[in-house]
């Protein structure tokens, strides 16, 4: 039996420009539905190139289920600080609650940044970092693949809300208790270190100011 080999295709060979070619392709109903399956959303009212000041967000849509505004920013290269700043600017300017950043390659520092945003923004603001690739077998048509690199951590966000859901299970409650105690321990260690440093500094100052007794 002959088996074909899976080969990656350079996405720029398929879409020359992410803002025009790829955004137009992604905005089509049959393609946005593929992204819906990955994100667990139902995106409708898809618009391209919404302006925020002099900048343009690639795609703006609405999640039909939650009525939440969603923005999508495409980047056909390795993630960079410029686009990280853009997605935050677009989210603020368009009052988006779900932010999707699609890149060719997600650098570790930007993966960490998106993870931090998901862990430290209030509940209801969700960031997705997704790598986009394309593959073919032999002479077949290229097949797209969205790979989720970072996504919202619902447990961490829900634990921040005032009056958290009483339905939290025992495992979640134990995790919250553990990290609460851990933070207290770190604070205590910090205070002990600061106290020790103050005692050392005090000893040094006393030695410097002590009168010198000549023989």
N, C-alpha and C. Protein backbone atom coordinates (compact mmCIF):
# COMPACT_ATOMS: atom_id res chain seq x y z
N UNK A 1 0.85 -1.20 0.00
CA UNK A 1 0.00 0.00 0.00
C UNK A 1 0.89 1.24 0.00
N UNK A 2 0.62 2.13 -0.90
CA UNK A 2 1.39 3.37 -0.99
C UNK A 2 0.79 4.42 -0.07
N UNK A 3 1.63 5.03 0.72
CA UNK A 3 1.19 6.05 1.68
C UNK A 3 1.84 7.38 1.33
N UNK A 4 1.03 8.41 1.23
CA UNK A 4 1.54 9.73 0.91
C UNK A 4 2.20 10.38 2.11
N UNK A 5 3.10 11.31 1.86
CA UNK A 5 3.80 12.03 2.90
C UNK A 5 3.18 13.42 3.09
N UNK A 6 2.94 13.76 4.33
CA UNK A 6 2.37 15.06 4.66
C UNK A 6 3.46 16.12 4.61
N UNK A 7 3.25 17.16 3.81
CA UNK A 7 4.24 18.22 3.67
C UNK A 7 3.59 19.57 3.96
N UNK A 8 4.34 20.40 4.67
CA UNK A 8 3.83 21.73 4.98
C UNK A 8 4.03 22.65 3.78
N UNK A 9 3.04 23.50 3.56
CA UNK A 9 3.07 24.46 2.47
C UNK A 9 3.25 25.86 3.06
N UNK A 10 4.09 26.64 2.47
CA UNK A 10 4.28 28.02 2.94
C UNK A 10 2.98 28.78 2.70
N UNK A 11 2.40 29.32 3.77
CA UNK A 11 1.10 29.98 3.63
C UNK A 11 1.17 31.21 2.74
N UNK A 12 2.36 31.78 2.59
CA UNK A 12 2.48 32.94 1.68
C UNK A 12 2.43 32.51 0.22
N UNK A 13 2.63 31.24 -0.04
CA UNK A 13 2.44 30.75 -1.41
C UNK A 13 0.96 30.63 -1.74
N UNK A 14 0.12 30.57 -0.70
CA UNK A 14 -1.32 30.43 -0.91
C UNK A 14 -2.03 31.77 -0.78
N UNK A 15 -1.58 32.59 0.16
CA UNK A 15 -2.16 33.92 0.37
C UNK A 15 -1.00 34.92 0.41
N UNK A 16 -0.92 35.78 -0.55
CA UNK A 16 0.21 36.70 -0.64
C UNK A 16 0.22 37.74 0.47
N UNK A 17 -0.96 38.16 0.90
CA UNK A 17 -1.04 39.22 1.89
C UNK A 17 -2.09 38.86 2.93
N UNK A 18 -1.68 38.91 4.21
CA UNK A 18 -2.63 38.50 5.26
C UNK A 18 -3.81 39.45 5.40
N UNK A 19 -3.58 40.75 5.19
CA UNK A 19 -4.64 41.72 5.43
C UNK A 19 -5.70 41.69 4.34
N UNK A 20 -5.32 41.32 3.14
CA UNK A 20 -6.27 41.33 2.03
C UNK A 20 -6.65 39.90 1.61
N UNK A 21 -5.69 39.16 1.12
CA UNK A 21 -5.98 37.82 0.60
C UNK A 21 -6.49 36.88 1.70
N UNK A 22 -5.74 36.77 2.79
CA UNK A 22 -6.13 35.83 3.83
C UNK A 22 -7.39 36.27 4.56
N UNK A 23 -7.49 37.55 4.87
CA UNK A 23 -8.70 38.04 5.55
C UNK A 23 -9.95 37.82 4.71
N UNK A 24 -9.84 38.03 3.40
CA UNK A 24 -10.97 37.77 2.50
C UNK A 24 -11.36 36.30 2.52
N UNK A 25 -10.35 35.44 2.51
CA UNK A 25 -10.61 33.99 2.55
C UNK A 25 -11.25 33.59 3.87
N UNK A 26 -10.69 34.07 4.98
CA UNK A 26 -11.18 33.68 6.30
C UNK A 26 -12.59 34.19 6.56
N UNK A 27 -12.93 35.34 5.99
CA UNK A 27 -14.25 35.94 6.23
C UNK A 27 -15.38 35.19 5.53
N UNK A 28 -15.06 34.31 4.61
CA UNK A 28 -16.10 33.53 3.93
C UNK A 28 -16.74 32.56 4.91
N UNK A 29 -18.06 32.38 4.83
CA UNK A 29 -18.78 31.57 5.82
C UNK A 29 -18.21 30.17 6.03
N UNK A 30 -17.83 29.49 4.94
CA UNK A 30 -17.33 28.13 5.09
C UNK A 30 -15.97 28.07 5.77
N UNK A 31 -15.23 29.15 5.72
CA UNK A 31 -13.90 29.18 6.35
C UNK A 31 -13.97 29.70 7.78
N UNK A 32 -14.81 30.69 8.03
CA UNK A 32 -14.96 31.18 9.40
C UNK A 32 -15.58 30.11 10.28
N UNK A 33 -16.37 29.22 9.68
CA UNK A 33 -16.97 28.13 10.46
C UNK A 33 -15.90 27.16 10.95
N UNK A 34 -14.82 27.01 10.16
CA UNK A 34 -13.71 26.16 10.59
C UNK A 34 -13.05 26.76 11.83
N UNK A 35 -12.87 28.08 11.82
CA UNK A 35 -12.31 28.75 12.99
C UNK A 35 -13.26 28.67 14.17
N UNK A 36 -14.56 28.74 13.89
CA UNK A 36 -15.55 28.59 14.96
C UNK A 36 -15.37 27.27 15.70
N UNK A 37 -15.13 26.21 14.96
CA UNK A 37 -14.95 24.89 15.58
C UNK A 37 -13.73 24.88 16.49
N UNK A 38 -12.70 25.60 16.11
CA UNK A 38 -11.48 25.65 16.91
C UNK A 38 -11.69 26.47 18.19
N UNK A 39 -12.40 27.59 18.06
CA UNK A 39 -12.57 28.51 19.19
C UNK A 39 -13.77 28.18 20.07
N UNK A 40 -14.70 27.40 19.53
CA UNK A 40 -15.93 27.14 20.27
C UNK A 40 -16.88 28.32 20.22
N UNK A 41 -16.83 29.10 19.13
CA UNK A 41 -17.69 30.27 18.96
C UNK A 41 -18.59 30.09 17.75
N UNK A 42 -19.51 31.02 17.59
CA UNK A 42 -20.35 31.08 16.39
C UNK A 42 -20.27 32.50 15.86
N UNK A 43 -19.29 32.75 15.01
CA UNK A 43 -19.04 34.11 14.54
C UNK A 43 -19.97 34.48 13.39
N UNK A 44 -20.62 35.63 13.54
CA UNK A 44 -21.53 36.15 12.51
C UNK A 44 -21.21 37.64 12.33
N UNK A 45 -21.90 38.27 11.36
CA UNK A 45 -21.71 39.70 11.10
C UNK A 45 -20.22 40.03 10.92
N UNK A 46 -19.57 39.26 10.07
CA UNK A 46 -18.12 39.39 9.88
C UNK A 46 -17.82 40.60 8.99
N UNK A 47 -17.04 41.53 9.52
CA UNK A 47 -16.60 42.71 8.77
C UNK A 47 -15.08 42.72 8.69
N UNK A 48 -14.58 43.25 7.57
CA UNK A 48 -13.13 43.31 7.37
C UNK A 48 -12.63 44.74 7.52
N UNK A 49 -11.45 44.84 8.11
CA UNK A 49 -10.72 46.10 8.19
C UNK A 49 -11.51 47.21 8.90
N UNK A 50 -11.78 47.00 10.16
CA UNK A 50 -12.40 48.03 10.98
C UNK A 50 -11.32 48.99 11.47
N UNK A 51 -11.57 50.28 11.36
CA UNK A 51 -10.58 51.28 11.71
C UNK A 51 -10.59 51.59 13.21
N UNK A 52 -9.38 51.71 13.76
CA UNK A 52 -9.18 52.22 15.12
C UNK A 52 -8.14 53.32 14.98
N UNK A 53 -8.59 54.55 14.91
CA UNK A 53 -7.70 55.65 14.60
C UNK A 53 -7.17 55.48 13.19
N UNK A 54 -5.86 55.50 13.03
CA UNK A 54 -5.27 55.33 11.70
C UNK A 54 -4.91 53.87 11.40
N UNK A 55 -5.23 52.97 12.33
CA UNK A 55 -4.92 51.56 12.15
C UNK A 55 -6.17 50.78 11.75
N UNK A 56 -5.95 49.60 11.16
CA UNK A 56 -7.06 48.77 10.71
C UNK A 56 -6.97 47.38 11.29
N UNK A 57 -8.00 46.99 11.99
CA UNK A 57 -8.10 45.62 12.49
C UNK A 57 -8.58 44.73 11.34
N UNK A 58 -7.99 43.56 11.18
CA UNK A 58 -8.29 42.72 10.03
C UNK A 58 -9.75 42.29 9.96
N UNK A 59 -10.27 41.75 11.05
CA UNK A 59 -11.64 41.23 11.04
C UNK A 59 -12.32 41.55 12.36
N UNK A 60 -13.56 41.99 12.28
CA UNK A 60 -14.41 42.19 13.45
C UNK A 60 -15.68 41.38 13.24
N UNK A 61 -16.09 40.66 14.26
CA UNK A 61 -17.29 39.83 14.15
C UNK A 61 -18.02 39.81 15.49
N UNK A 62 -19.11 39.07 15.54
CA UNK A 62 -19.89 38.93 16.76
C UNK A 62 -20.16 37.47 17.01
N UNK A 63 -20.02 37.06 18.26
CA UNK A 63 -20.38 35.70 18.63
C UNK A 63 -21.90 35.65 18.81
N UNK A 64 -22.55 34.87 17.98
CA UNK A 64 -24.01 34.84 17.95
C UNK A 64 -24.60 34.38 19.28
N UNK A 65 -23.91 33.50 19.98
CA UNK A 65 -24.43 32.94 21.22
C UNK A 65 -24.40 33.95 22.36
N UNK A 66 -23.27 34.63 22.53
CA UNK A 66 -23.10 35.53 23.67
C UNK A 66 -23.27 37.00 23.32
N UNK A 67 -23.44 37.32 22.02
CA UNK A 67 -23.53 38.71 21.56
C UNK A 67 -22.23 39.47 21.82
N UNK A 68 -21.14 38.76 21.98
CA UNK A 68 -19.84 39.35 22.29
C UNK A 68 -19.12 39.77 21.01
N UNK A 69 -18.47 40.95 21.05
CA UNK A 69 -17.69 41.39 19.90
C UNK A 69 -16.34 40.68 19.90
N UNK A 70 -15.93 40.24 18.72
CA UNK A 70 -14.70 39.48 18.54
C UNK A 70 -13.84 40.18 17.49
N UNK A 71 -12.54 40.31 17.77
CA UNK A 71 -11.62 40.84 16.76
C UNK A 71 -10.61 39.76 16.41
N UNK A 72 -10.17 39.77 15.14
CA UNK A 72 -9.18 38.82 14.66
C UNK A 72 -8.07 39.60 13.96
N UNK A 73 -6.84 39.38 14.39
CA UNK A 73 -5.69 40.02 13.77
C UNK A 73 -4.79 38.93 13.19
N UNK A 74 -4.46 39.05 11.90
CA UNK A 74 -3.67 38.05 11.20
C UNK A 74 -2.24 38.54 10.99
N UNK A 75 -1.29 37.64 11.17
CA UNK A 75 0.12 38.00 11.00
C UNK A 75 0.85 36.82 10.36
N UNK A 76 1.26 36.98 9.11
CA UNK A 76 1.93 35.90 8.38
C UNK A 76 3.44 35.92 8.62
N UNK A 77 3.82 35.97 9.87
CA UNK A 77 5.22 35.92 10.25
C UNK A 77 5.26 35.56 11.72
N UNK A 78 6.45 35.48 12.28
CA UNK A 78 6.56 35.21 13.71
C UNK A 78 5.95 36.36 14.51
N UNK A 79 5.32 36.04 15.60
CA UNK A 79 4.69 37.06 16.45
C UNK A 79 5.71 38.11 16.87
N UNK A 80 5.26 39.35 17.02
CA UNK A 80 6.16 40.42 17.44
C UNK A 80 5.45 41.40 18.36
N UNK A 81 6.23 42.29 18.96
CA UNK A 81 5.68 43.25 19.92
C UNK A 81 4.69 44.21 19.25
N UNK A 82 4.95 44.55 17.99
CA UNK A 82 4.09 45.49 17.28
C UNK A 82 2.65 44.96 17.21
N UNK A 83 2.49 43.71 16.82
CA UNK A 83 1.15 43.14 16.72
C UNK A 83 0.52 42.87 18.09
N UNK A 84 1.36 42.56 19.07
CA UNK A 84 0.83 42.41 20.43
C UNK A 84 0.21 43.72 20.89
N UNK A 85 0.91 44.82 20.63
CA UNK A 85 0.35 46.12 20.98
C UNK A 85 -0.90 46.44 20.20
N UNK A 86 -0.94 46.02 18.93
CA UNK A 86 -2.10 46.29 18.09
C UNK A 86 -3.36 45.58 18.61
N UNK A 87 -3.22 44.31 18.99
CA UNK A 87 -4.43 43.59 19.41
C UNK A 87 -5.02 44.21 20.68
N UNK A 88 -4.15 44.73 21.56
CA UNK A 88 -4.65 45.39 22.76
C UNK A 88 -5.30 46.72 22.40
N UNK A 89 -4.69 47.45 21.47
CA UNK A 89 -5.26 48.72 21.00
C UNK A 89 -6.62 48.49 20.34
N UNK A 90 -6.71 47.49 19.47
CA UNK A 90 -7.97 47.20 18.79
C UNK A 90 -9.04 46.76 19.77
N UNK A 91 -8.65 45.94 20.74
CA UNK A 91 -9.62 45.47 21.73
C UNK A 91 -10.20 46.65 22.50
N UNK A 92 -9.34 47.59 22.87
CA UNK A 92 -9.80 48.77 23.60
C UNK A 92 -10.65 49.68 22.72
N UNK A 93 -10.17 49.96 21.51
CA UNK A 93 -10.88 50.89 20.63
C UNK A 93 -12.21 50.37 20.13
N UNK A 94 -12.32 49.04 19.97
CA UNK A 94 -13.55 48.45 19.44
C UNK A 94 -14.40 47.79 20.53
N UNK A 95 -13.93 47.88 21.77
CA UNK A 95 -14.63 47.29 22.92
C UNK A 95 -14.89 45.81 22.68
N UNK A 96 -13.86 45.10 22.25
CA UNK A 96 -13.98 43.67 21.99
C UNK A 96 -13.74 42.88 23.27
N UNK A 97 -14.43 41.77 23.39
CA UNK A 97 -14.28 40.90 24.56
C UNK A 97 -13.51 39.62 24.24
N UNK A 98 -13.41 39.29 22.96
CA UNK A 98 -12.62 38.13 22.54
C UNK A 98 -11.61 38.61 21.50
N UNK A 99 -10.34 38.30 21.74
CA UNK A 99 -9.26 38.76 20.87
C UNK A 99 -8.54 37.54 20.32
N UNK A 100 -8.51 37.42 19.01
CA UNK A 100 -7.89 36.27 18.35
C UNK A 100 -6.69 36.76 17.54
N UNK A 101 -5.52 36.27 17.88
CA UNK A 101 -4.28 36.65 17.20
C UNK A 101 -3.76 35.42 16.45
N UNK A 102 -3.80 35.48 15.12
CA UNK A 102 -3.38 34.36 14.28
C UNK A 102 -2.00 34.67 13.70
N UNK A 103 -1.04 33.79 13.93
CA UNK A 103 0.34 34.03 13.49
C UNK A 103 0.89 32.80 12.77
N UNK A 104 1.97 33.04 12.04
CA UNK A 104 2.66 31.92 11.40
C UNK A 104 3.47 31.14 12.42
N UNK A 105 4.08 31.88 13.35
CA UNK A 105 4.87 31.25 14.41
C UNK A 105 4.71 32.04 15.69
N UNK A 106 4.36 31.37 16.76
CA UNK A 106 4.19 32.03 18.06
C UNK A 106 5.49 31.93 18.85
N UNK A 107 6.11 33.07 19.10
CA UNK A 107 7.32 33.07 19.91
C UNK A 107 6.95 32.85 21.38
N UNK A 108 7.90 32.27 22.10
CA UNK A 108 7.64 31.92 23.49
C UNK A 108 7.28 33.14 24.34
N UNK A 109 7.96 34.26 24.11
CA UNK A 109 7.70 35.44 24.93
C UNK A 109 6.30 35.99 24.68
N UNK A 110 5.77 35.82 23.47
CA UNK A 110 4.41 36.28 23.20
C UNK A 110 3.37 35.27 23.67
N UNK A 111 3.74 34.00 23.65
CA UNK A 111 2.86 33.00 24.26
C UNK A 111 2.69 33.31 25.75
N UNK A 112 3.81 33.62 26.40
CA UNK A 112 3.77 33.96 27.82
C UNK A 112 2.97 35.23 28.06
N UNK A 113 3.10 36.20 27.15
CA UNK A 113 2.36 37.46 27.30
C UNK A 113 0.86 37.23 27.20
N UNK A 114 0.43 36.41 26.25
CA UNK A 114 -1.00 36.12 26.10
C UNK A 114 -1.51 35.33 27.30
N UNK A 115 -0.69 34.41 27.78
CA UNK A 115 -1.06 33.66 28.99
C UNK A 115 -1.25 34.62 30.16
N UNK A 116 -0.33 35.58 30.29
CA UNK A 116 -0.43 36.56 31.38
C UNK A 116 -1.70 37.40 31.23
N UNK A 117 -2.02 37.82 30.02
CA UNK A 117 -3.24 38.60 29.80
C UNK A 117 -4.48 37.82 30.20
N UNK A 118 -4.52 36.54 29.85
CA UNK A 118 -5.67 35.72 30.21
C UNK A 118 -5.77 35.52 31.72
N UNK A 119 -4.64 35.48 32.39
CA UNK A 119 -4.65 35.24 33.83
C UNK A 119 -4.87 36.50 34.66
N UNK A 120 -4.67 37.68 34.04
CA UNK A 120 -4.70 38.91 34.83
C UNK A 120 -5.73 39.93 34.38
N UNK A 121 -6.44 39.69 33.30
CA UNK A 121 -7.56 40.56 32.95
C UNK A 121 -8.83 40.02 33.58
N UNK A 122 -9.81 40.86 33.68
CA UNK A 122 -11.04 40.46 34.36
C UNK A 122 -11.80 39.41 33.55
N UNK A 123 -12.71 38.73 34.21
CA UNK A 123 -13.51 37.72 33.55
C UNK A 123 -14.32 38.34 32.42
N UNK A 124 -14.36 37.65 31.27
CA UNK A 124 -15.10 38.17 30.13
C UNK A 124 -14.21 38.77 29.06
N UNK A 125 -12.90 38.89 29.32
CA UNK A 125 -11.94 39.33 28.31
C UNK A 125 -11.05 38.13 28.00
N UNK A 126 -11.13 37.63 26.78
CA UNK A 126 -10.46 36.38 26.43
C UNK A 126 -9.51 36.57 25.25
N UNK A 127 -8.29 36.05 25.39
CA UNK A 127 -7.27 36.14 24.35
C UNK A 127 -6.94 34.74 23.81
N UNK A 128 -6.88 34.64 22.49
CA UNK A 128 -6.45 33.41 21.83
C UNK A 128 -5.21 33.71 21.00
N UNK A 129 -4.20 32.87 21.12
CA UNK A 129 -3.02 32.93 20.24
C UNK A 129 -3.02 31.64 19.43
N UNK A 130 -3.06 31.78 18.10
CA UNK A 130 -3.23 30.63 17.22
C UNK A 130 -2.18 30.64 16.12
N UNK A 131 -1.55 29.50 15.92
CA UNK A 131 -0.66 29.34 14.77
C UNK A 131 -1.47 28.79 13.60
N UNK A 132 -1.12 29.30 12.40
CA UNK A 132 -1.82 28.86 11.19
C UNK A 132 -0.83 28.21 10.24
N UNK A 133 -1.16 27.00 9.81
CA UNK A 133 -0.31 26.26 8.88
C UNK A 133 -1.17 25.69 7.76
N UNK A 134 -0.51 25.22 6.72
CA UNK A 134 -1.20 24.54 5.62
C UNK A 134 -0.37 23.33 5.20
N UNK A 135 -1.07 22.24 4.86
CA UNK A 135 -0.39 21.00 4.50
C UNK A 135 -1.04 20.40 3.26
N UNK A 136 -0.27 19.55 2.58
CA UNK A 136 -0.82 18.76 1.49
C UNK A 136 -0.13 17.40 1.46
N UNK A 137 -0.83 16.45 0.87
CA UNK A 137 -0.27 15.12 0.64
C UNK A 137 -0.09 14.94 -0.85
N UNK A 138 1.15 14.81 -1.30
CA UNK A 138 1.40 14.67 -2.73
C UNK A 138 0.94 15.91 -3.48
N UNK A 139 0.07 15.69 -4.46
CA UNK A 139 -0.45 16.79 -5.28
C UNK A 139 -1.86 17.22 -4.85
N UNK A 140 -2.22 16.88 -3.62
CA UNK A 140 -3.57 17.21 -3.15
C UNK A 140 -3.73 18.72 -2.95
N UNK A 141 -4.97 19.14 -2.80
CA UNK A 141 -5.25 20.53 -2.47
C UNK A 141 -4.70 20.82 -1.07
N UNK A 142 -4.16 22.02 -0.84
CA UNK A 142 -3.65 22.35 0.50
C UNK A 142 -4.78 22.40 1.52
N UNK A 143 -4.47 21.93 2.71
CA UNK A 143 -5.47 21.92 3.79
C UNK A 143 -4.99 22.83 4.92
N UNK A 144 -5.83 23.76 5.37
CA UNK A 144 -5.42 24.67 6.45
C UNK A 144 -5.53 23.99 7.81
N UNK A 145 -4.73 24.47 8.75
CA UNK A 145 -4.78 23.94 10.11
C UNK A 145 -4.54 25.07 11.10
N UNK A 146 -5.52 25.29 11.98
CA UNK A 146 -5.38 26.24 13.07
C UNK A 146 -4.94 25.46 14.31
N UNK A 147 -3.88 25.92 14.94
CA UNK A 147 -3.38 25.26 16.15
C UNK A 147 -3.41 26.26 17.31
N UNK A 148 -4.21 25.96 18.32
CA UNK A 148 -4.33 26.85 19.47
C UNK A 148 -3.08 26.73 20.33
N UNK A 149 -2.39 27.86 20.51
CA UNK A 149 -1.18 27.90 21.35
C UNK A 149 -1.51 28.37 22.76
N UNK A 150 -2.34 29.39 22.85
CA UNK A 150 -2.81 29.89 24.15
C UNK A 150 -4.29 30.20 24.04
N UNK A 151 -5.02 29.93 25.12
CA UNK A 151 -6.44 30.21 25.16
C UNK A 151 -6.83 30.58 26.59
N UNK A 152 -8.03 31.10 26.80
CA UNK A 152 -8.42 31.55 28.14
C UNK A 152 -8.42 30.42 29.15
N UNK A 153 -8.05 30.76 30.37
CA UNK A 153 -8.13 29.84 31.49
C UNK A 153 -9.35 30.24 32.31
N UNK A 154 -10.46 29.60 32.06
CA UNK A 154 -11.72 30.00 32.68
C UNK A 154 -11.69 29.88 34.20
N UNK A 155 -10.94 28.90 34.70
CA UNK A 155 -10.93 28.73 36.15
C UNK A 155 -10.27 29.91 36.84
N UNK A 156 -9.13 30.36 36.33
CA UNK A 156 -8.43 31.48 36.95
C UNK A 156 -9.27 32.73 36.88
N UNK A 157 -9.93 32.97 35.74
CA UNK A 157 -10.73 34.18 35.60
C UNK A 157 -11.94 34.16 36.53
N UNK A 158 -12.61 33.01 36.60
CA UNK A 158 -13.83 32.94 37.41
C UNK A 158 -13.52 33.12 38.88
N UNK A 159 -12.31 32.74 39.30
CA UNK A 159 -11.95 32.88 40.71
C UNK A 159 -11.74 34.33 41.10
N UNK A 160 -11.62 35.25 40.10
CA UNK A 160 -11.41 36.66 40.38
C UNK A 160 -12.71 37.44 40.55
N UNK A 161 -13.80 36.90 40.07
CA UNK A 161 -15.05 37.64 40.10
C UNK A 161 -15.55 37.78 41.52
N UNK A 162 -16.21 38.89 41.80
CA UNK A 162 -16.76 39.11 43.13
C UNK A 162 -17.90 38.15 43.34
N UNK A 163 -17.87 37.44 44.50
CA UNK A 163 -18.90 36.46 44.74
C UNK A 163 -18.79 35.32 43.75
N UNK A 164 -17.73 34.54 43.83
CA UNK A 164 -17.50 33.48 42.86
C UNK A 164 -18.59 32.43 42.92
N UNK A 165 -18.72 31.71 41.82
CA UNK A 165 -19.77 30.71 41.68
C UNK A 165 -19.65 29.67 42.77
N UNK A 166 -20.74 29.44 43.50
CA UNK A 166 -20.73 28.49 44.60
C UNK A 166 -20.61 27.06 44.12
N UNK A 167 -20.71 26.87 42.83
CA UNK A 167 -20.64 25.52 42.29
C UNK A 167 -19.22 25.05 42.04
N UNK A 168 -18.23 25.82 42.45
CA UNK A 168 -16.85 25.38 42.28
C UNK A 168 -16.65 24.04 42.96
N UNK A 169 -16.00 23.13 42.27
CA UNK A 169 -15.80 21.82 42.86
C UNK A 169 -14.67 21.85 43.87
N UNK A 170 -14.49 20.73 44.56
CA UNK A 170 -13.51 20.67 45.64
C UNK A 170 -12.10 20.90 45.13
N UNK A 171 -11.78 20.36 43.97
CA UNK A 171 -10.44 20.49 43.41
C UNK A 171 -10.10 21.95 43.15
N UNK A 172 -11.05 22.70 42.59
CA UNK A 172 -10.83 24.12 42.32
C UNK A 172 -10.62 24.89 43.61
N UNK A 173 -11.44 24.59 44.62
CA UNK A 173 -11.34 25.28 45.90
C UNK A 173 -9.98 25.03 46.55
N UNK A 174 -9.51 23.79 46.43
CA UNK A 174 -8.21 23.46 47.01
C UNK A 174 -7.09 24.20 46.29
N UNK A 175 -7.22 24.36 44.97
CA UNK A 175 -6.21 25.09 44.21
C UNK A 175 -6.17 26.55 44.61
N UNK A 176 -7.36 27.16 44.78
CA UNK A 176 -7.43 28.56 45.21
C UNK A 176 -6.79 28.72 46.59
N UNK A 177 -7.11 27.79 47.51
CA UNK A 177 -6.56 27.86 48.86
C UNK A 177 -5.04 27.72 48.85
N UNK A 178 -4.55 26.80 48.01
CA UNK A 178 -3.10 26.58 47.93
C UNK A 178 -2.38 27.85 47.50
N UNK A 179 -2.86 28.48 46.40
CA UNK A 179 -2.17 29.66 45.88
C UNK A 179 -2.32 30.86 46.82
N UNK A 180 -3.44 30.92 47.53
CA UNK A 180 -3.60 31.99 48.52
C UNK A 180 -2.56 31.86 49.62
N UNK A 181 -2.39 30.64 50.15
CA UNK A 181 -1.41 30.40 51.20
C UNK A 181 0.01 30.60 50.67
N UNK A 182 0.24 30.21 49.42
CA UNK A 182 1.57 30.36 48.82
C UNK A 182 1.95 31.84 48.73
N UNK A 183 0.99 32.69 48.33
CA UNK A 183 1.25 34.12 48.25
C UNK A 183 1.57 34.70 49.63
N UNK A 184 0.84 34.22 50.65
CA UNK A 184 1.11 34.68 52.01
C UNK A 184 2.51 34.28 52.45
N UNK A 185 2.92 33.06 52.10
CA UNK A 185 4.25 32.58 52.46
C UNK A 185 5.33 33.43 51.80
N UNK A 186 5.14 33.74 50.51
CA UNK A 186 6.10 34.58 49.81
C UNK A 186 6.22 35.95 50.48
N UNK A 187 5.06 36.48 50.91
CA UNK A 187 5.07 37.78 51.58
C UNK A 187 5.85 37.72 52.88
N UNK A 188 5.67 36.64 53.64
CA UNK A 188 6.37 36.47 54.91
C UNK A 188 7.88 36.36 54.68
N UNK A 189 8.28 35.58 53.65
CA UNK A 189 9.69 35.43 53.34
C UNK A 189 10.29 36.77 52.95
N UNK A 190 9.53 37.55 52.16
CA UNK A 190 9.99 38.87 51.74
C UNK A 190 10.22 39.77 52.94
N UNK A 191 9.27 39.75 53.89
CA UNK A 191 9.41 40.59 55.08
C UNK A 191 10.60 40.16 55.93
N UNK A 192 10.81 38.83 56.05
CA UNK A 192 11.94 38.34 56.82
C UNK A 192 13.26 38.79 56.20
N UNK A 193 13.34 38.69 54.86
CA UNK A 193 14.55 39.11 54.16
C UNK A 193 14.80 40.59 54.36
N UNK A 194 13.70 41.39 54.23
CA UNK A 194 13.84 42.83 54.42
C UNK A 194 14.32 43.15 55.84
N UNK A 195 13.76 42.43 56.86
CA UNK A 195 14.16 42.65 58.25
C UNK A 195 15.62 42.31 58.47
N UNK A 196 16.06 41.20 57.86
CA UNK A 196 17.47 40.81 58.00
C UNK A 196 18.39 41.85 57.39
N UNK A 197 17.99 42.36 56.22
CA UNK A 197 18.80 43.39 55.56
C UNK A 197 18.88 44.64 56.41
N UNK A 198 17.74 45.01 57.03
CA UNK A 198 17.74 46.21 57.86
C UNK A 198 18.67 46.05 59.05
N UNK A 199 18.69 44.84 59.65
CA UNK A 199 19.59 44.60 60.79
C UNK A 199 21.05 44.69 60.35
N UNK A 200 21.36 44.14 59.16
CA UNK A 200 22.74 44.21 58.67
C UNK A 200 23.16 45.65 58.42
N UNK A 201 22.24 46.42 57.79
CA UNK A 201 22.53 47.83 57.51
C UNK A 201 22.72 48.59 58.82
N UNK A 202 21.87 48.31 59.81
CA UNK A 202 21.98 48.98 61.10
C UNK A 202 23.32 48.70 61.76
N UNK A 203 23.76 47.45 61.70
CA UNK A 203 25.06 47.07 62.28
C UNK A 203 26.20 47.81 61.59
N UNK A 204 26.13 47.90 60.25
CA UNK A 204 27.16 48.60 59.49
C UNK A 204 27.21 50.08 59.86
N UNK A 205 26.03 50.70 60.00
CA UNK A 205 26.00 52.12 60.34
C UNK A 205 26.56 52.37 61.73
N UNK A 206 26.22 51.48 62.67
CA UNK A 206 26.73 51.65 64.03
C UNK A 206 28.25 51.52 64.07
N UNK A 207 28.78 50.59 63.27
CA UNK A 207 30.23 50.41 63.24
C UNK A 207 30.94 51.62 62.63
N UNK A 208 30.26 52.27 61.67
CA UNK A 208 30.85 53.43 61.01
C UNK A 208 30.83 54.66 61.90
N UNK A 209 29.80 54.76 62.73
CA UNK A 209 29.65 55.95 63.57
C UNK A 209 30.25 55.78 64.95
N UNK A 210 30.72 54.57 65.27
CA UNK A 210 31.30 54.33 66.61
C UNK A 210 32.60 55.13 66.76
N UNK A 211 32.87 55.73 67.94
CA UNK A 211 34.10 56.50 68.13
C UNK A 211 35.34 55.61 68.05
N UNK A 212 36.38 56.16 67.48
CA UNK A 212 37.64 55.42 67.36
C UNK A 212 38.48 55.69 68.59
N UNK A 213 38.90 54.64 69.29
CA UNK A 213 39.72 54.77 70.51
C UNK A 213 41.18 54.58 70.15
N UNK A 214 41.95 55.64 70.35
CA UNK A 214 43.37 55.55 70.01
C UNK A 214 44.14 54.91 71.16
N UNK A 215 45.30 54.33 70.88
CA UNK A 215 46.09 53.66 71.89
C UNK A 215 46.88 54.65 72.73
